[in-house]
Protein backbone atom coordinates (compact mmCIF):
# COMPACT_ATOMS: atom_id res chain seq x y z
CA MET A 1 96.83 26.72 35.72
CA GLU A 2 94.22 25.50 38.48
CA ALA A 3 92.16 21.50 39.08
CA LEU A 4 88.73 21.15 37.48
CA ARG A 5 86.13 22.04 39.71
CA GLY A 6 83.52 19.76 40.79
CA ASP A 7 80.48 22.01 38.54
CA ASP A 8 83.07 21.65 35.76
CA PRO A 9 82.24 19.36 32.23
CA GLN A 10 84.13 16.85 31.82
CA THR A 11 84.58 16.98 28.19
CA ILE A 12 84.53 19.30 25.48
CA GLY A 13 83.97 18.75 21.72
CA GLY A 14 85.46 15.17 22.03
CA TYR A 15 88.51 16.56 24.15
CA THR A 16 88.82 15.63 27.63
CA LEU A 17 89.62 18.77 30.20
CA VAL A 18 92.69 18.39 32.63
CA CYS A 19 92.53 21.84 33.71
CA ARG A 20 91.26 24.55 34.27
CA ILE A 21 94.08 27.29 32.46
CA GLY A 22 91.66 30.85 33.72
CA SER A 23 88.87 31.95 33.27
CA GLY A 24 87.29 35.63 32.36
CA GLY A 25 84.61 36.93 30.50
CA MET A 26 83.33 35.44 28.42
CA GLY A 27 83.52 31.42 30.08
CA GLN A 28 86.07 29.63 30.42
CA VAL A 29 89.54 28.59 29.53
CA PHE A 30 90.30 24.69 30.30
CA LEU A 31 93.19 22.66 28.71
CA GLY A 32 92.01 19.48 27.34
CA GLU A 33 93.34 16.09 25.11
CA SER A 34 92.16 14.08 22.49
CA ALA A 35 92.58 10.94 22.20
CA ALA A 36 94.77 10.84 20.39
CA GLY A 37 96.66 12.89 22.87
CA GLN A 38 96.67 16.10 21.68
CA GLN A 39 96.98 18.89 24.14
CA VAL A 40 94.25 21.82 23.35
CA ALA A 41 93.13 25.38 24.94
CA VAL A 42 89.91 24.59 25.09
CA SER A 43 87.41 27.32 25.90
CA SER A 44 83.55 27.40 26.96
CA GLY A 45 81.51 30.03 27.13
CA LEU A 46 79.65 32.53 24.37
CA HIS A 47 82.38 30.88 21.83
CA ALA A 48 83.81 27.37 21.41
CA TRP A 49 86.92 27.56 20.34
CA HIS A 50 89.97 25.91 20.49
CA PHE A 51 93.54 26.48 20.25
CA THR A 52 96.68 24.29 20.08
CA TRP A 53 98.63 23.65 22.59
CA SER A 54 101.73 23.71 22.24
CA ALA A 55 104.15 22.26 25.34
CA ALA A 56 107.75 22.96 23.27
């Protein structure tokens, strides 16, 4: 994981972005957090999807 860059969005789809998880040909993947504290992986690129992140 790496810190957000200056040109990265601060939020996507209601999730506050915490850091970058990775990137590739389809865009970037960020660790996001909901207002309730749920952590999710948020993808920005051709398809904007999110997946539940489990820290357990």
